[in-house]
Amino acid sequence: MTDTSTVAVLGTGTMGAAMARSLLRAGHDVRVWNRTRSRAEPLAADGATVTDDPADAVRGADAVLTVLLDGPTVLETMRAAAPGLREGAVWLQASTVGPEGLAPLAALATEHGALFVDAPVLGTKQPAEAGELQVLAAGPQEARPVADRVFDAIGRSTVWLGEEGAGGAASKLKLVFNNWVLTVINGTAESLALAKGLGVDPERFLAALEGTALDSGYLRMKAEAILTGDYTVNFTVDAAAKDARLIAGAAEGAGVRLDLAPAGVARLARASEAGHGDQDAAASYFASFEGLANG
């Protein structure tokens, strides 16, 4: 078996496009599809084959990488792609769908003879563009040679969490991780909103954090977005809201009471309703100001 593979990337948003470019840099044959074709077309200049239909993208591919918004979108797309799937193709499911969203996806894979790997990733736009994501993976041993070639291209490390992709080990860990991410995002947004309301210079807040155990690069990234008004997307408000709902639902199903996650659902929904749904999640800042849609 060669060191490169034919990989179909379904979904070329912020993360999917970056992963596709990492795969191309590693020498893989990459085919891409996106519901809105114009978002996939720039990848042609990097060497990708842009397709009009998901079935054309996956036809004969060694691996299929799904990087879409949510479980229903992944299921709809892969049903459309299924006629092109070859027996034994490795399906790397990198979308955040939560453990409850895996069962119909794994069943579809089994129905069409594909090897299903639950493979959410940790990281945002910058590490995705640099091929430095961390991959959380669970799936059958026979899928790993192909899967690892893909993961080596898109990530700096892979954590294998067992052989049962539908078991949810990787997706559960991703929700725990994202719960912390959303805590930092919303906490930063609320703290800067409070500073504004109290007339406190936000730079003094950031200066007080410097060099302490409470400081973090991610907090500063989100604070900079808020203070400069640059909400270029790493992780949209709407995607964050979807993940917050998944986290709250998973906790309820596990008999765990969370207070911050459900409040985060409401906060992010307010920011989206105010017109910030397609901006970076730092725009949850605007949820603190009644009727303030555009800052």
C-alpha atoms as a PDB file:
ATOM      1  CA  MET A   1       0.000   0.000   0.000  1.00  0.00           C
ATOM      2  CA  THR A   2       1.335   3.472  -0.892  1.00  0.00           C
ATOM      3  CA  ASP A   3       1.876   6.292   1.570  1.00  0.00           C
ATOM      4  CA  THR A   4      -0.813   8.405  -0.066  1.00  0.00           C
ATOM      5  CA  SER A   5      -4.525   7.892  -0.510  1.00  0.00           C
ATOM      6  CA  THR A   6      -7.488   9.208  -2.425  1.00  0.00           C
ATOM      7  CA  VAL A   7      -9.483  11.241   0.075  1.00  0.00           C
ATOM      8  CA  ALA A   8     -12.916  12.784  -0.375  1.00  0.00           C
ATOM      9  CA  VAL A   9     -13.564  15.803   1.830  1.00  0.00           C
ATOM     10  CA  LEU A  10     -17.262  16.553   2.239  1.00  0.00           C
ATOM     11  CA  GLY A  11     -17.720  20.027   3.674  1.00  0.00           C
ATOM     12  CA  THR A  12     -15.260  22.825   2.870  1.00  0.00           C
ATOM     13  CA  GLY A  13     -16.059  25.442   5.463  1.00  0.00           C
ATOM     14  CA  THR A  14     -13.392  26.932   7.719  1.00  0.00           C
ATOM     15  CA  MET A  15     -12.171  23.569   8.998  1.00  0.00           C
ATOM     16  CA  GLY A  16     -12.853  21.358   5.996  1.00  0.00           C
ATOM     17  CA  ALA A  17     -11.024  23.615   3.550  1.00  0.00           C
ATOM     18  CA  ALA A  18      -8.004  23.801   5.859  1.00  0.00           C
ATOM     19  CA  MET A  19      -7.923  20.009   6.246  1.00  0.00           C
ATOM     20  CA  ALA A  20      -8.190  19.555   2.485  1.00  0.00           C
ATOM     21  CA  ARG A  21      -5.169  21.809   1.962  1.00  0.00           C
ATOM     22  CA  SER A  22      -3.173  19.871   4.560  1.00  0.00           C
ATOM     23  CA  LEU A  23      -4.003  16.638   2.747  1.00  0.00           C
ATOM     24  CA  LEU A  24      -2.908  18.149  -0.572  1.00  0.00           C
ATOM     25  CA  ARG A  25       0.396  19.320   0.923  1.00  0.00           C
ATOM     26  CA  ALA A  26       0.990  15.739   2.097  1.00  0.00           C
ATOM     27  CA  GLY A  27       0.571  14.498  -1.474  1.00  0.00           C
ATOM     28  CA  HIS A  28      -2.865  12.898  -1.221  1.00  0.00           C
ATOM     29  CA  ASP A  29      -5.309  12.901  -4.124  1.00  0.00           C
ATOM     30  CA  VAL A  30      -8.123  15.071  -2.777  1.00  0.00           C
ATOM     31  CA  ARG A  31     -11.656  15.469  -4.061  1.00  0.00           C
ATOM     32  CA  VAL A  32     -13.916  18.029  -2.418  1.00  0.00           C
ATOM     33  CA  TRP A  33     -17.610  18.735  -2.273  1.00  0.00           C
ATOM     34  CA  ASN A  34     -19.598  21.466  -0.576  1.00  0.00           C
ATOM     35  CA  ARG A  35     -23.305  22.224  -0.742  1.00  0.00           C
ATOM     36  CA  THR A  36     -22.392  25.719  -1.906  1.00  0.00           C
ATOM     37  CA  ARG A  37     -19.900  24.921  -4.665  1.00  0.00           C
ATOM     38  CA  SER A  38     -18.318  28.383  -4.605  1.00  0.00           C
ATOM     39  CA  ARG A  39     -16.889  27.616  -1.151  1.00  0.00           C
ATOM     40  CA  ALA A  40     -15.084  24.575  -2.544  1.00  0.00           C
ATOM     41  CA  GLU A  41     -13.839  26.074  -5.819  1.00  0.00           C
ATOM     42  CA  PRO A  42     -10.795  27.911  -4.361  1.00  0.00           C
ATOM     43  CA  LEU A  43      -9.340  24.495  -3.484  1.00  0.00           C
ATOM     44  CA  ALA A  44      -8.945  23.711  -7.190  1.00  0.00           C
ATOM     45  CA  ALA A  45      -5.994  26.109  -7.271  1.00  0.00           C
ATOM     46  CA  ASP A  46      -4.329  23.963  -4.588  1.00  0.00           C
ATOM     47  CA  GLY A  47      -4.804  20.805  -6.644  1.00  0.00           C
ATOM     48  CA  ALA A  48      -8.121  19.443  -5.401  1.00  0.00           C
ATOM     49  CA  THR A  49     -10.796  18.063  -7.716  1.00  0.00           C
ATOM     50  CA  VAL A  50     -14.058  19.928  -7.084  1.00  0.00           C
ATOM     51  CA  THR A  51     -17.200  17.859  -7.605  1.00  0.00           C
ATOM     52  CA  ASP A  52     -20.871  18.760  -7.959  1.00  0.00           C
ATOM     53  CA  ASP A  53     -22.181  15.686  -6.198  1.00  0.00           C
ATOM     54  CA  PRO A  54     -21.047  13.920  -3.001  1.00  0.00           C
ATOM     55  CA  ALA A  55     -21.321  10.543  -4.740  1.00  0.00           C
ATOM     56  CA  ASP A  56     -18.804  11.704  -7.356  1.00  0.00           C
ATOM     57  CA  ALA A  57     -16.462  12.903  -4.614  1.00  0.00           C
ATOM     58  CA  VAL A  58     -16.409   9.559  -2.784  1.00  0.00           C
ATOM     59  CA  ARG A  59     -16.446   7.257  -5.817  1.00  0.00           C
ATOM     60  CA  GLY A  60     -13.483   4.901  -5.439  1.00  0.00           C
ATOM     61  CA  ALA A  61     -11.964   6.934  -2.588  1.00  0.00           C
ATOM     62  CA  ASP A  62      -9.890   5.201   0.076  1.00  0.00           C
ATOM     63  CA  ALA A  63     -11.137   7.595   2.759  1.00  0.00           C
ATOM     64  CA  VAL A  64     -14.097   9.927   3.185  1.00  0.00           C
ATOM     65  CA  LEU A  65     -13.684  12.821   5.615  1.00  0.00           C
ATOM     66  CA  THR A  66     -16.924  14.501   6.694  1.00  0.00           C
ATOM     67  CA  VAL A  67     -16.532  18.017   8.113  1.00  0.00           C
ATOM     68  CA  LEU A  68     -20.088  19.319   8.265  1.00  0.00           C
ATOM     69  CA  LEU A  69     -22.179  21.292  10.753  1.00  0.00           C
ATOM     70  CA  ASP A  70     -24.198  18.632  12.537  1.00  0.00           C
ATOM     71  CA  GLY A  71     -25.442  15.053  12.577  1.00  0.00           C
ATOM     72  CA  PRO A  72     -28.515  15.503  10.346  1.00  0.00           C
ATOM     73  CA  THR A  73     -26.391  17.272   7.713  1.00  0.00           C
ATOM     74  CA  VAL A  74     -23.775  14.506   7.806  1.00  0.00           C
ATOM     75  CA  LEU A  75     -26.456  11.822   7.477  1.00  0.00           C
ATOM     76  CA  GLU A  76     -28.175  13.587   4.561  1.00  0.00           C
ATOM     77  CA  THR A  77     -24.867  14.128   2.758  1.00  0.00           C
ATOM     78  CA  MET A  78     -23.631  10.569   3.229  1.00  0.00           C
ATOM     79  CA  ARG A  79     -26.926   9.126   2.058  1.00  0.00           C
ATOM     80  CA  ALA A  80     -26.431  11.116  -1.127  1.00  0.00           C
ATOM     81  CA  ALA A  81     -22.804   9.955  -1.319  1.00  0.00           C
ATOM     82  CA  ALA A  82     -23.564   6.284  -0.630  1.00  0.00           C
ATOM     83  CA  PRO A  83     -23.949   5.186  -4.291  1.00  0.00           C
ATOM     84  CA  GLY A  84     -20.301   6.114  -4.839  1.00  0.00           C
ATOM     85  CA  LEU A  85     -18.858   4.422  -1.740  1.00  0.00           C
ATOM     86  CA  ARG A  86     -16.641   1.446  -2.405  1.00  0.00           C
ATOM     87  CA  GLU A  87     -16.589  -1.621  -0.176  1.00  0.00           C
ATOM     88  CA  GLY A  88     -14.064  -1.106   2.595  1.00  0.00           C
ATOM     89  CA  ALA A  89     -13.785   2.664   2.273  1.00  0.00           C
ATOM     90  CA  VAL A  90     -12.808   4.339   5.543  1.00  0.00           C
ATOM     91  CA  TRP A  91     -15.287   6.969   6.704  1.00  0.00           C
ATOM     92  CA  LEU A  92     -13.630   9.475   9.037  1.00  0.00           C
ATOM     93  CA  GLN A  93     -16.436  11.383  10.725  1.00  0.00           C
ATOM     94  CA  ALA A  94     -14.877  14.631  12.000  1.00  0.00           C
ATOM     95  CA  SER A  95     -18.032  16.684  12.556  1.00  0.00           C
ATOM     96  CA  THR A  96     -19.146  17.351  16.130  1.00  0.00           C
ATOM     97  CA  VAL A  97     -22.373  15.354  16.301  1.00  0.00           C
ATOM     98  CA  GLY A  98     -22.344  14.169  19.930  1.00  0.00           C
ATOM     99  CA  PRO A  99     -22.497  10.513  20.998  1.00  0.00           C
ATOM    100  CA  GLU A 100     -26.226  10.307  20.320  1.00  0.00           C
ATOM    101  CA  GLY A 101     -25.696  11.326  16.708  1.00  0.00           C
ATOM    102  CA  LEU A 102     -23.356   8.450  15.886  1.00  0.00           C
ATOM    103  CA  ALA A 103     -25.767   5.506  15.703  1.00  0.00           C
ATOM    104  CA  PRO A 104     -27.496   6.393  12.391  1.00  0.00           C
ATOM    105  CA  LEU A 105     -24.145   7.282  10.840  1.00  0.00           C
ATOM    106  CA  ALA A 106     -22.523   4.007  11.880  1.00  0.00           C
ATOM    107  CA  ALA A 107     -25.576   2.089  10.655  1.00  0.00           C
ATOM    108  CA  LEU A 108     -25.317   3.773   7.257  1.00  0.00           C
ATOM    109  CA  ALA A 109     -21.628   2.879   7.076  1.00  0.00           C
ATOM    110  CA  THR A 110     -22.380  -0.764   7.863  1.00  0.00           C
ATOM    111  CA  GLU A 111     -25.159  -0.841   5.283  1.00  0.00           C
ATOM    112  CA  HIS A 112     -22.720   0.232   2.563  1.00  0.00           C
ATOM    113  CA  GLY A 113     -19.665  -1.746   3.687  1.00  0.00           C
ATOM    114  CA  ALA A 114     -17.654   1.259   4.896  1.00  0.00           C
ATOM    115  CA  LEU A 115     -15.401   1.239   7.970  1.00  0.00           C
ATOM    116  CA  PHE A 116     -16.679   3.894  10.381  1.00  0.00           C
ATOM    117  CA  VAL A 117     -14.266   5.953  12.486  1.00  0.00           C
ATOM    118  CA  ASP A 118     -15.535   8.538  14.955  1.00  0.00           C
ATOM    119  CA  ALA A 119     -12.865  11.240  14.547  1.00  0.00           C
ATOM    120  CA  PRO A 120     -13.655  14.683  15.976  1.00  0.00           C
ATOM    121  CA  VAL A 121     -10.744  17.104  16.110  1.00  0.00           C
ATOM    122  CA  LEU A 122      -9.477  19.596  18.666  1.00  0.00           C
ATOM    123  CA  GLY A 123      -8.390  22.962  17.322  1.00  0.00           C
ATOM    124  CA  THR A 124      -9.655  25.901  15.325  1.00  0.00           C
ATOM    125  CA  LYS A 125      -8.773  27.680  12.091  1.00  0.00           C
ATOM    126  CA  GLN A 126      -5.077  28.386  12.670  1.00  0.00           C
ATOM    127  CA  PRO A 127      -4.012  24.854  13.739  1.00  0.00           C
ATOM    128  CA  ALA A 128      -6.227  23.408  11.014  1.00  0.00           C
ATOM    129  CA  GLU A 129      -4.441  25.495   8.398  1.00  0.00           C
ATOM    130  CA  ALA A 130      -1.074  24.425   9.802  1.00  0.00           C
ATOM    131  CA  GLY A 131      -1.992  20.721   9.916  1.00  0.00           C
ATOM    132  CA  GLU A 132      -1.633  20.745  13.712  1.00  0.00           C
ATOM    133  CA  LEU A 133      -5.022  19.589  14.927  1.00  0.00           C
ATOM    134  CA  GLN A 134      -5.341  16.934  17.604  1.00  0.00           C
ATOM    135  CA  VAL A 135      -7.465  14.035  16.430  1.00  0.00           C
ATOM    136  CA  LEU A 136      -9.613  11.968  18.775  1.00  0.00           C
ATOM    137  CA  ALA A 137     -10.395   8.653  17.094  1.00  0.00           C
ATOM    138  CA  ALA A 138     -12.280   5.450  17.706  1.00  0.00           C
ATOM    139  CA  GLY A 139     -12.753   2.807  15.056  1.00  0.00           C
ATOM    140  CA  PRO A 140     -11.814  -0.662  13.825  1.00  0.00           C
ATOM    141  CA  GLN A 141      -8.196  -1.749  13.655  1.00  0.00           C
ATOM    142  CA  GLU A 142      -8.445  -2.493   9.928  1.00  0.00           C
ATOM    143  CA  ALA A 143      -9.302   1.157   9.263  1.00  0.00           C
ATOM    144  CA  ARG A 144      -6.188   2.507  10.942  1.00  0.00           C
ATOM    145  CA  PRO A 145      -3.584   2.308   8.133  1.00  0.00           C
ATOM    146  CA  VAL A 146      -5.701   4.579   5.923  1.00  0.00           C
ATOM    147  CA  ALA A 147      -6.994   6.658   8.835  1.00  0.00           C
ATOM    148  CA  ASP A 148      -3.527   7.331  10.219  1.00  0.00           C
ATOM    149  CA  ARG A 149      -2.256   8.594   6.858  1.00  0.00           C
ATOM    150  CA  VAL A 150      -5.080  11.125   6.818  1.00  0.00           C
ATOM    151  CA  PHE A 151      -4.624  12.041  10.484  1.00  0.00           C
ATOM    152  CA  ASP A 152      -0.867  12.487  10.022  1.00  0.00           C
ATOM    153  CA  ALA A 153      -1.610  15.062   7.337  1.00  0.00           C
ATOM    154  CA  ILE A 154      -4.212  17.084   9.229  1.00  0.00           C
ATOM    155  CA  GLY A 155      -2.932  16.776  12.785  1.00  0.00           C
ATOM    156  CA  ARG A 156       0.057  16.877  15.085  1.00  0.00           C
ATOM    157  CA  SER A 157      -1.190  13.919  17.146  1.00  0.00           C
ATOM    158  CA  THR A 158      -3.890  11.264  17.234  1.00  0.00           C
ATOM    159  CA  VAL A 159      -5.401   9.742  20.351  1.00  0.00           C
ATOM    160  CA  TRP A 160      -6.999   6.376  19.612  1.00  0.00           C
ATOM    161  CA  LEU A 161      -9.793   5.598  22.083  1.00  0.00           C
ATOM    162  CA  GLY A 162     -10.814   2.090  21.141  1.00  0.00           C
ATOM    163  CA  GLU A 163     -12.147   0.109  18.204  1.00  0.00           C
ATOM    164  CA  GLU A 164     -15.863   0.887  18.459  1.00  0.00           C
ATOM    165  CA  GLY A 165     -16.545   4.012  16.447  1.00  0.00           C
ATOM    166  CA  ALA A 166     -20.233   4.024  17.280  1.00  0.00           C
ATOM    167  CA  GLY A 167     -19.478   3.713  20.996  1.00  0.00           C
ATOM    168  CA  GLY A 168     -18.982   7.439  21.357  1.00  0.00           C
ATOM    169  CA  ALA A 169     -15.654   7.512  23.224  1.00  0.00           C
ATOM    170  CA  ALA A 170     -14.171  10.133  20.906  1.00  0.00           C
ATOM    171  CA  SER A 171     -17.338  12.207  20.627  1.00  0.00           C
ATOM    172  CA  LYS A 172     -17.842  12.182  24.395  1.00  0.00           C
ATOM    173  CA  LEU A 173     -14.318  13.472  24.981  1.00  0.00           C
ATOM    174  CA  LYS A 174     -14.895  16.151  22.324  1.00  0.00           C
ATOM    175  CA  LEU A 175     -17.984  17.383  24.192  1.00  0.00           C
ATOM    176  CA  VAL A 176     -16.043  17.592  27.458  1.00  0.00           C
ATOM    177  CA  PHE A 177     -13.352  19.589  25.657  1.00  0.00           C
ATOM    178  CA  ASN A 178     -15.846  21.890  23.955  1.00  0.00           C
ATOM    179  CA  ASN A 179     -17.650  22.493  27.227  1.00  0.00           C
ATOM    180  CA  TRP A 180     -14.427  24.046  28.519  1.00  0.00           C
ATOM    181  CA  VAL A 181     -13.892  25.978  25.260  1.00  0.00           C
ATOM    182  CA  LEU A 182     -17.380  27.507  25.531  1.00  0.00           C
ATOM    183  CA  THR A 183     -16.778  28.333  29.184  1.00  0.00           C
ATOM    184  CA  VAL A 184     -13.696  30.347  28.190  1.00  0.00           C
ATOM    185  CA  ILE A 185     -15.428  32.054  25.253  1.00  0.00           C
ATOM    186  CA  ASN A 186     -18.519  33.075  27.176  1.00  0.00           C
ATOM    187  CA  GLY A 187     -16.529  33.949  30.289  1.00  0.00           C
ATOM    188  CA  THR A 188     -14.255  36.238  28.284  1.00  0.00           C
ATOM    189  CA  ALA A 189     -17.222  37.854  26.539  1.00  0.00           C
ATOM    190  CA  GLU A 190     -19.092  38.424  29.787  1.00  0.00           C
ATOM    191  CA  SER A 191     -16.039  39.796  31.596  1.00  0.00           C
ATOM    192  CA  LEU A 192     -15.371  42.338  28.858  1.00  0.00           C
ATOM    193  CA  ALA A 193     -19.058  43.245  28.737  1.00  0.00           C
ATOM    194  CA  LEU A 194     -18.981  43.795  32.496  1.00  0.00           C
ATOM    195  CA  ALA A 195     -15.883  45.955  32.121  1.00  0.00           C
ATOM    196  CA  LYS A 196     -17.700  48.076  29.540  1.00  0.00           C
ATOM    197  CA  GLY A 197     -20.745  48.399  31.756  1.00  0.00           C
ATOM    198  CA  LEU A 198     -18.692  49.415  34.806  1.00  0.00           C
ATOM    199  CA  GLY A 199     -16.434  51.764  32.889  1.00  0.00           C
ATOM    200  CA  VAL A 200     -13.351  49.628  33.492  1.00  0.00           C
ATOM    201  CA  ASP A 201     -10.533  49.768  30.941  1.00  0.00           C
ATOM    202  CA  PRO A 202     -10.445  46.191  29.544  1.00  0.00           C
ATOM    203  CA  GLU A 203      -6.699  46.497  29.003  1.00  0.00           C
ATOM    204  CA  ARG A 204      -6.278  46.774  32.762  1.00  0.00           C
ATOM    205  CA  PHE A 205      -8.140  43.504  33.175  1.00  0.00           C
ATOM    206  CA  LEU A 206      -5.837  41.829  30.658  1.00  0.00           C
ATOM    207  CA  ALA A 207      -2.753  43.364  32.246  1.00  0.00           C
ATOM    208  CA  ALA A 208      -3.818  42.031  35.640  1.00  0.00           C
ATOM    209  CA  LEU A 209      -4.047  38.528  34.167  1.00  0.00           C
ATOM    210  CA  GLU A 210      -0.593  38.589  32.627  1.00  0.00           C
ATOM    211  CA  GLY A 211       1.800  36.114  34.184  1.00  0.00           C
ATOM    212  CA  THR A 212      -0.848  34.526  36.399  1.00  0.00           C
ATOM    213  CA  ALA A 213      -2.229  30.997  36.339  1.00  0.00           C
ATOM    214  CA  LEU A 214      -5.564  32.432  35.177  1.00  0.00           C
ATOM    215  CA  ASP A 215      -4.160  33.760  31.901  1.00  0.00           C
ATOM    216  CA  SER A 216      -4.489  31.802  28.650  1.00  0.00           C
ATOM    217  CA  GLY A 217      -3.748  32.252  24.992  1.00  0.00           C
ATOM    218  CA  TYR A 218      -7.313  31.355  24.041  1.00  0.00           C
ATOM    219  CA  LEU A 219      -8.772  33.972  26.387  1.00  0.00           C
ATOM    220  CA  ARG A 220      -6.494  36.583  24.819  1.00  0.00           C
ATOM    221  CA  MET A 221      -7.457  35.503  21.302  1.00  0.00           C
ATOM    222  CA  LYS A 222     -11.148  36.000  22.049  1.00  0.00           C
ATOM    223  CA  ALA A 223     -10.506  39.225  23.957  1.00  0.00           C
ATOM    224  CA  GLU A 224      -8.598  40.627  20.979  1.00  0.00           C
ATOM    225  CA  ALA A 225     -11.503  39.784  18.667  1.00  0.00           C
ATOM    226  CA  ILE A 226     -13.905  41.651  20.940  1.00  0.00           C
ATOM    227  CA  LEU A 227     -11.671  44.671  21.540  1.00  0.00           C
ATOM    228  CA  THR A 228     -10.781  45.100  17.856  1.00  0.00           C
ATOM    229  CA  GLY A 229     -14.246  44.200  16.561  1.00  0.00           C
ATOM    230  CA  ASP A 230     -12.669  41.617  14.253  1.00  0.00           C
ATOM    231  CA  TYR A 231     -14.968  38.600  14.369  1.00  0.00           C
ATOM    232  CA  THR A 232     -13.254  36.673  11.577  1.00  0.00           C
ATOM    233  CA  VAL A 233     -14.439  33.115  12.039  1.00  0.00           C
ATOM    234  CA  ASN A 234     -12.577  30.412  13.869  1.00  0.00           C
ATOM    235  CA  PHE A 235     -15.734  28.876  15.362  1.00  0.00           C
ATOM    236  CA  THR A 236     -19.083  30.534  14.612  1.00  0.00           C
ATOM    237  CA  VAL A 237     -21.716  31.586  17.105  1.00  0.00           C
ATOM    238  CA  ASP A 238     -24.192  29.181  15.475  1.00  0.00           C
ATOM    239  CA  ALA A 239     -21.745  26.249  15.587  1.00  0.00           C
ATOM    240  CA  ALA A 240     -20.979  27.047  19.228  1.00  0.00           C
ATOM    241  CA  ALA A 241     -24.711  27.135  19.993  1.00  0.00           C
ATOM    242  CA  LYS A 242     -25.148  23.740  18.354  1.00  0.00           C
ATOM    243  CA  ASP A 243     -22.324  22.301  20.446  1.00  0.00           C
ATOM    244  CA  ALA A 244     -23.748  23.872  23.607  1.00  0.00           C
ATOM    245  CA  ARG A 245     -27.059  22.131  22.914  1.00  0.00           C
ATOM    246  CA  LEU A 246     -25.262  18.819  22.383  1.00  0.00           C
ATOM    247  CA  ILE A 247     -23.364  19.278  25.663  1.00  0.00           C
ATOM    248  CA  ALA A 248     -26.482  20.158  27.629  1.00  0.00           C
ATOM    249  CA  GLY A 249     -28.392  17.226  26.122  1.00  0.00           C
ATOM    250  CA  ALA A 250     -25.597  14.745  26.772  1.00  0.00           C
ATOM    251  CA  ALA A 251     -25.305  15.906  30.387  1.00  0.00           C
ATOM    252  CA  GLU A 252     -29.033  15.563  30.954  1.00  0.00           C
ATOM    253  CA  GLY A 253     -28.996  12.074  29.461  1.00  0.00           C
ATOM    254  CA  ALA A 254     -26.137  11.130  31.795  1.00  0.00           C
ATOM    255  CA  GLY A 255     -27.930  12.446  34.855  1.00  0.00           C
ATOM    256  CA  VAL A 256     -25.440  15.293  35.304  1.00  0.00           C
ATOM    257  CA  ARG A 257     -26.694  18.765  36.159  1.00  0.00           C
ATOM    258  CA  LEU A 258     -24.871  21.528  34.313  1.00  0.00           C
ATOM    259  CA  ASP A 259     -25.739  25.182  34.864  1.00  0.00           C
ATOM    260  CA  LEU A 260     -23.281  26.965  32.585  1.00  0.00           C
ATOM    261  CA  ALA A 261     -23.973  24.947  29.423  1.00  0.00           C
ATOM    262  CA  PRO A 262     -27.747  25.596  29.329  1.00  0.00           C
ATOM    263  CA  ALA A 263     -27.097  29.268  30.083  1.00  0.00           C
ATOM    264  CA  GLY A 264     -24.583  29.241  27.236  1.00  0.00           C
ATOM    265  CA  VAL A 265     -27.260  27.875  24.883  1.00  0.00           C
ATOM    266  CA  ALA A 266     -29.484  30.855  25.718  1.00  0.00           C
ATOM    267  CA  ARG A 267     -26.614  33.343  25.488  1.00  0.00           C
ATOM    268  CA  LEU A 268     -25.422  32.153  22.094  1.00  0.00           C
ATOM    269  CA  ALA A 269     -29.009  32.064  20.811  1.00  0.00           C
ATOM    270  CA  ARG A 270     -29.384  35.748  21.756  1.00  0.00           C
ATOM    271  CA  ALA A 271     -26.183  36.625  19.918  1.00  0.00           C
ATOM    272  CA  SER A 272     -27.402  34.745  16.846  1.00  0.00           C
ATOM    273  CA  GLU A 273     -30.819  36.394  16.955  1.00  0.00           C
ATOM    274  CA  ALA A 274     -29.035  39.763  17.104  1.00  0.00           C
ATOM    275  CA  GLY A 275     -27.418  39.003  13.745  1.00  0.00           C
ATOM    276  CA  HIS A 276     -24.070  37.499  14.782  1.00  0.00           C
ATOM    277  CA  GLY A 277     -24.677  33.820  14.025  1.00  0.00           C
ATOM    278  CA  ASP A 278     -22.106  33.603  11.238  1.00  0.00           C
ATOM    279  CA  GLN A 279     -19.424  35.535  13.148  1.00  0.00           C
ATOM    280  CA  ASP A 280     -16.820  34.110  15.500  1.00  0.00           C
ATOM    281  CA  ALA A 281     -18.204  32.841  18.801  1.00  0.00           C
ATOM    282  CA  ALA A 282     -16.494  35.734  20.589  1.00  0.00           C
ATOM    283  CA  ALA A 283     -19.497  37.703  19.301  1.00  0.00           C
ATOM    284  CA  SER A 284     -21.429  36.190  22.200  1.00  0.00           C
ATOM    285  CA  TYR A 285     -20.241  39.495  23.704  1.00  0.00           C
ATOM    286  CA  PHE A 286     -23.255  41.148  22.081  1.00  0.00           C
ATOM    287  CA  ALA A 287     -25.663  38.959  24.038  1.00  0.00           C
ATOM    288  CA  SER A 288     -24.861  41.149  27.065  1.00  0.00           C
ATOM    289  CA  PHE A 289     -26.403  44.277  25.589  1.00  0.00           C
ATOM    290  CA  GLU A 290     -30.154  44.328  25.090  1.00  0.00           C
ATOM    291  CA  GLY A 291     -31.059  45.274  21.535  1.00  0.00           C
ATOM    292  CA  LEU A 292     -27.434  45.751  20.449  1.00  0.00           C
ATOM    293  CA  ALA A 293     -27.271  43.917  17.119  1.00  0.00           C
ATOM    294  CA  ASN A 294     -24.190  45.377  15.509  1.00  0.00           C
ATOM    295  CA  GLY A 295     -22.042  46.688  18.336  1.00  0.00           C
END
